[in-house]
Amino acid sequence: MLYKVLQAHLETFLRNAGELDGSSSVPRFVENELRAFLDCGVLARGLIRLHCTGCGHDIVVGLSCKRRGFCPRCGGRRMKHAS
């Protein structure tokens, strides 16, 4: 659900972000985190193909953004491994 909302409204949010409080815009690092989240796991943005020599089965895995600030997939994985 979060992905779909950001995908549909990110550009509008970024364009209108400073209007309410008079600031110029969203900080660049916030924009970078949000855009990386939208690319996380998308095969068109990067992938790795794994091949099992035993059974011959292939699997394709989308690369992660490896960000900790916003991406629930990558942030959660890092929290799990940190403990």
N, C-alpha and C. Protein backbone atom coordinates (compact mmCIF):
# COMPACT_ATOMS: atom_id res chain seq x y z
N MET A 1 0.83 -1.18 0.00
CA MET A 1 0.00 0.00 0.00
C MET A 1 0.89 1.26 0.00
N LEU A 2 1.90 1.28 0.87
CA LEU A 2 2.81 2.43 0.93
C LEU A 2 3.49 2.66 -0.41
N TYR A 3 3.94 1.58 -1.04
CA TYR A 3 4.61 1.69 -2.33
C TYR A 3 3.68 2.33 -3.37
N LYS A 4 2.44 1.87 -3.42
CA LYS A 4 1.49 2.39 -4.40
C LYS A 4 1.20 3.87 -4.18
N VAL A 5 1.06 4.28 -2.92
CA VAL A 5 0.80 5.69 -2.62
C VAL A 5 1.98 6.55 -3.04
N LEU A 6 3.19 6.14 -2.69
CA LEU A 6 4.38 6.91 -3.08
C LEU A 6 4.56 6.94 -4.59
N GLN A 7 4.33 5.82 -5.23
CA GLN A 7 4.48 5.76 -6.67
C GLN A 7 3.53 6.73 -7.36
N ALA A 8 2.33 6.81 -6.85
CA ALA A 8 1.32 7.67 -7.47
C ALA A 8 1.48 9.15 -7.13
N HIS A 9 2.03 9.46 -5.95
CA HIS A 9 1.98 10.84 -5.48
C HIS A 9 3.32 11.48 -5.11
N LEU A 10 4.43 10.78 -5.32
CA LEU A 10 5.72 11.33 -4.91
C LEU A 10 6.04 12.65 -5.61
N GLU A 11 5.87 12.70 -6.89
CA GLU A 11 6.21 13.92 -7.63
C GLU A 11 5.37 15.11 -7.16
N THR A 12 4.09 14.88 -6.94
CA THR A 12 3.20 15.95 -6.45
C THR A 12 3.63 16.39 -5.07
N PHE A 13 3.94 15.44 -4.20
CA PHE A 13 4.40 15.76 -2.85
C PHE A 13 5.67 16.61 -2.89
N LEU A 14 6.64 16.19 -3.69
CA LEU A 14 7.91 16.92 -3.77
C LEU A 14 7.70 18.33 -4.33
N ARG A 15 6.82 18.44 -5.29
CA ARG A 15 6.55 19.74 -5.91
C ARG A 15 5.85 20.70 -4.94
N ASN A 16 4.99 20.17 -4.09
CA ASN A 16 4.18 21.01 -3.19
C ASN A 16 4.68 21.04 -1.76
N ALA A 17 5.76 20.37 -1.44
CA ALA A 17 6.21 20.19 -0.06
C ALA A 17 6.47 21.49 0.68
N GLY A 18 7.05 22.47 0.04
CA GLY A 18 7.41 23.69 0.74
C GLY A 18 6.30 24.70 0.87
N GLU A 19 5.16 24.47 0.26
CA GLU A 19 4.09 25.46 0.25
C GLU A 19 3.47 25.69 1.62
N LEU A 20 3.38 24.66 2.46
CA LEU A 20 2.71 24.81 3.75
C LEU A 20 3.53 25.58 4.76
N ASP A 21 4.81 25.33 4.84
CA ASP A 21 5.63 25.99 5.87
C ASP A 21 6.55 27.07 5.31
N GLY A 22 6.50 27.32 4.03
CA GLY A 22 7.32 28.37 3.42
C GLY A 22 8.75 27.97 3.13
N SER A 23 9.11 26.71 3.38
CA SER A 23 10.47 26.27 3.08
C SER A 23 10.61 26.07 1.57
N SER A 24 11.84 25.90 1.13
CA SER A 24 12.07 25.78 -0.30
C SER A 24 11.65 24.41 -0.85
N SER A 25 11.93 23.35 -0.11
CA SER A 25 11.58 22.01 -0.59
C SER A 25 11.92 20.97 0.48
N VAL A 26 11.69 19.73 0.13
CA VAL A 26 12.08 18.61 0.99
C VAL A 26 13.59 18.48 0.92
N PRO A 27 14.25 18.18 2.05
CA PRO A 27 15.71 17.98 2.00
C PRO A 27 16.08 16.90 0.98
N ARG A 28 17.21 17.09 0.33
CA ARG A 28 17.65 16.20 -0.74
C ARG A 28 17.78 14.75 -0.27
N PHE A 29 18.26 14.54 0.97
CA PHE A 29 18.43 13.17 1.45
C PHE A 29 17.08 12.47 1.61
N VAL A 30 16.03 13.22 1.94
CA VAL A 30 14.69 12.64 2.05
C VAL A 30 14.19 12.21 0.66
N GLU A 31 14.36 13.08 -0.31
CA GLU A 31 13.97 12.74 -1.68
C GLU A 31 14.73 11.51 -2.17
N ASN A 32 16.02 11.44 -1.88
CA ASN A 32 16.84 10.30 -2.30
C ASN A 32 16.35 9.00 -1.66
N GLU A 33 16.00 9.05 -0.37
CA GLU A 33 15.48 7.87 0.32
C GLU A 33 14.17 7.39 -0.29
N LEU A 34 13.27 8.32 -0.57
CA LEU A 34 11.97 7.96 -1.13
C LEU A 34 12.13 7.37 -2.53
N ARG A 35 12.98 7.97 -3.34
CA ARG A 35 13.20 7.45 -4.69
C ARG A 35 13.88 6.08 -4.65
N ALA A 36 14.81 5.88 -3.74
CA ALA A 36 15.48 4.58 -3.60
C ALA A 36 14.48 3.50 -3.19
N PHE A 37 13.54 3.86 -2.31
CA PHE A 37 12.51 2.92 -1.88
C PHE A 37 11.68 2.45 -3.08
N LEU A 38 11.36 3.36 -3.98
CA LEU A 38 10.57 3.00 -5.16
C LEU A 38 11.34 2.09 -6.11
N ASP A 39 12.66 2.15 -6.08
CA ASP A 39 13.49 1.31 -6.95
C ASP A 39 13.89 -0.02 -6.30
N CYS A 40 13.69 -0.14 -4.99
CA CYS A 40 14.15 -1.31 -4.24
C CYS A 40 13.44 -2.57 -4.70
N GLY A 41 14.22 -3.55 -5.15
CA GLY A 41 13.69 -4.83 -5.57
C GLY A 41 13.09 -4.86 -6.96
N VAL A 42 13.10 -3.74 -7.67
CA VAL A 42 12.55 -3.69 -9.02
C VAL A 42 13.57 -4.30 -9.99
N LEU A 43 13.16 -5.34 -10.67
CA LEU A 43 14.09 -6.06 -11.54
C LEU A 43 14.68 -5.18 -12.63
N ALA A 44 13.92 -4.23 -13.12
CA ALA A 44 14.43 -3.34 -14.18
C ALA A 44 15.54 -2.43 -13.67
N ARG A 45 15.67 -2.27 -12.36
CA ARG A 45 16.70 -1.41 -11.78
C ARG A 45 17.95 -2.16 -11.38
N GLY A 46 17.91 -3.47 -11.46
CA GLY A 46 19.08 -4.28 -11.13
C GLY A 46 18.65 -5.62 -10.58
N LEU A 47 19.33 -6.67 -10.99
CA LEU A 47 18.96 -8.00 -10.55
C LEU A 47 20.17 -8.91 -10.55
N ILE A 48 19.98 -10.03 -9.90
CA ILE A 48 20.99 -11.08 -9.93
C ILE A 48 20.26 -12.39 -10.25
N ARG A 49 20.86 -13.19 -11.10
CA ARG A 49 20.28 -14.48 -11.45
C ARG A 49 21.08 -15.56 -10.76
N LEU A 50 20.39 -16.37 -9.99
CA LEU A 50 21.03 -17.46 -9.26
C LEU A 50 20.67 -18.78 -9.93
N HIS A 51 21.65 -19.66 -10.05
CA HIS A 51 21.44 -20.94 -10.74
C HIS A 51 21.89 -22.07 -9.83
N CYS A 52 21.02 -23.06 -9.67
CA CYS A 52 21.36 -24.26 -8.89
C CYS A 52 21.93 -25.30 -9.85
N THR A 53 23.18 -25.67 -9.61
CA THR A 53 23.80 -26.67 -10.49
C THR A 53 23.25 -28.07 -10.25
N GLY A 54 22.65 -28.27 -9.08
CA GLY A 54 22.08 -29.58 -8.77
C GLY A 54 20.81 -29.88 -9.54
N CYS A 55 19.86 -28.95 -9.50
CA CYS A 55 18.56 -29.20 -10.15
C CYS A 55 18.38 -28.40 -11.43
N GLY A 56 19.26 -27.44 -11.68
CA GLY A 56 19.16 -26.62 -12.88
C GLY A 56 18.16 -25.48 -12.79
N HIS A 57 17.59 -25.28 -11.63
CA HIS A 57 16.59 -24.24 -11.43
C HIS A 57 17.27 -22.87 -11.34
N ASP A 58 16.66 -21.87 -11.97
CA ASP A 58 17.14 -20.49 -11.89
C ASP A 58 16.14 -19.66 -11.09
N ILE A 59 16.64 -18.68 -10.40
CA ILE A 59 15.80 -17.71 -9.71
C ILE A 59 16.39 -16.32 -9.93
N VAL A 60 15.52 -15.35 -10.12
CA VAL A 60 15.93 -13.97 -10.33
C VAL A 60 15.54 -13.18 -9.08
N VAL A 61 16.48 -12.41 -8.55
CA VAL A 61 16.24 -11.62 -7.34
C VAL A 61 16.57 -10.17 -7.64
N GLY A 62 15.63 -9.28 -7.34
CA GLY A 62 15.87 -7.85 -7.52
C GLY A 62 16.82 -7.32 -6.46
N LEU A 63 17.70 -6.41 -6.86
CA LEU A 63 18.66 -5.84 -5.91
C LEU A 63 17.96 -4.86 -4.98
N SER A 64 18.43 -4.79 -3.76
CA SER A 64 17.84 -3.90 -2.77
C SER A 64 18.54 -2.54 -2.78
N CYS A 65 17.85 -1.55 -2.21
CA CYS A 65 18.41 -0.20 -2.18
C CYS A 65 19.46 -0.04 -1.07
N LYS A 66 19.42 -0.92 -0.07
CA LYS A 66 20.36 -0.91 1.06
C LYS A 66 20.30 0.38 1.88
N ARG A 67 19.16 1.03 1.88
CA ARG A 67 18.96 2.24 2.67
C ARG A 67 18.34 1.88 4.00
N ARG A 68 18.63 2.67 5.02
CA ARG A 68 18.08 2.41 6.35
C ARG A 68 17.04 3.43 6.77
N GLY A 69 16.98 4.56 6.09
CA GLY A 69 16.14 5.64 6.55
C GLY A 69 14.66 5.43 6.37
N PHE A 70 14.24 4.85 5.26
CA PHE A 70 12.82 4.77 4.98
C PHE A 70 12.36 3.40 4.51
N CYS A 71 13.15 2.70 3.79
CA CYS A 71 12.74 1.44 3.16
C CYS A 71 12.48 0.37 4.22
N PRO A 72 11.23 -0.08 4.36
CA PRO A 72 10.94 -1.09 5.37
C PRO A 72 11.63 -2.42 5.09
N ARG A 73 11.83 -2.74 3.82
CA ARG A 73 12.48 -4.00 3.46
C ARG A 73 13.94 -3.99 3.92
N CYS A 74 14.68 -2.96 3.56
CA CYS A 74 16.10 -2.89 3.88
C CYS A 74 16.35 -2.50 5.33
N GLY A 75 15.58 -1.57 5.84
CA GLY A 75 15.73 -1.16 7.24
C GLY A 75 15.43 -2.30 8.19
N GLY A 76 14.37 -3.05 7.90
CA GLY A 76 14.02 -4.19 8.74
C GLY A 76 15.07 -5.28 8.70
N ARG A 77 15.64 -5.52 7.53
CA ARG A 77 16.69 -6.53 7.40
C ARG A 77 17.91 -6.12 8.20
N ARG A 78 18.28 -4.86 8.16
CA ARG A 78 19.46 -4.41 8.91
C ARG A 78 19.22 -4.47 10.41
N MET A 79 18.00 -4.14 10.86
CA MET A 79 17.70 -4.23 12.29
C MET A 79 17.76 -5.67 12.76
N LYS A 80 17.27 -6.60 11.94
CA LYS A 80 17.27 -8.01 12.29
C LYS A 80 18.70 -8.53 12.46
N HIS A 81 19.61 -8.11 11.55
CA HIS A 81 21.00 -8.59 11.61
C HIS A 81 21.84 -7.86 12.64
N ALA A 82 21.39 -6.69 13.09
CA ALA A 82 22.16 -5.92 14.06
C ALA A 82 22.03 -6.47 15.48
N SER A 83 20.95 -7.20 15.75
CA SER A 83 20.74 -7.67 17.12
C SER A 83 21.39 -8.99 17.41
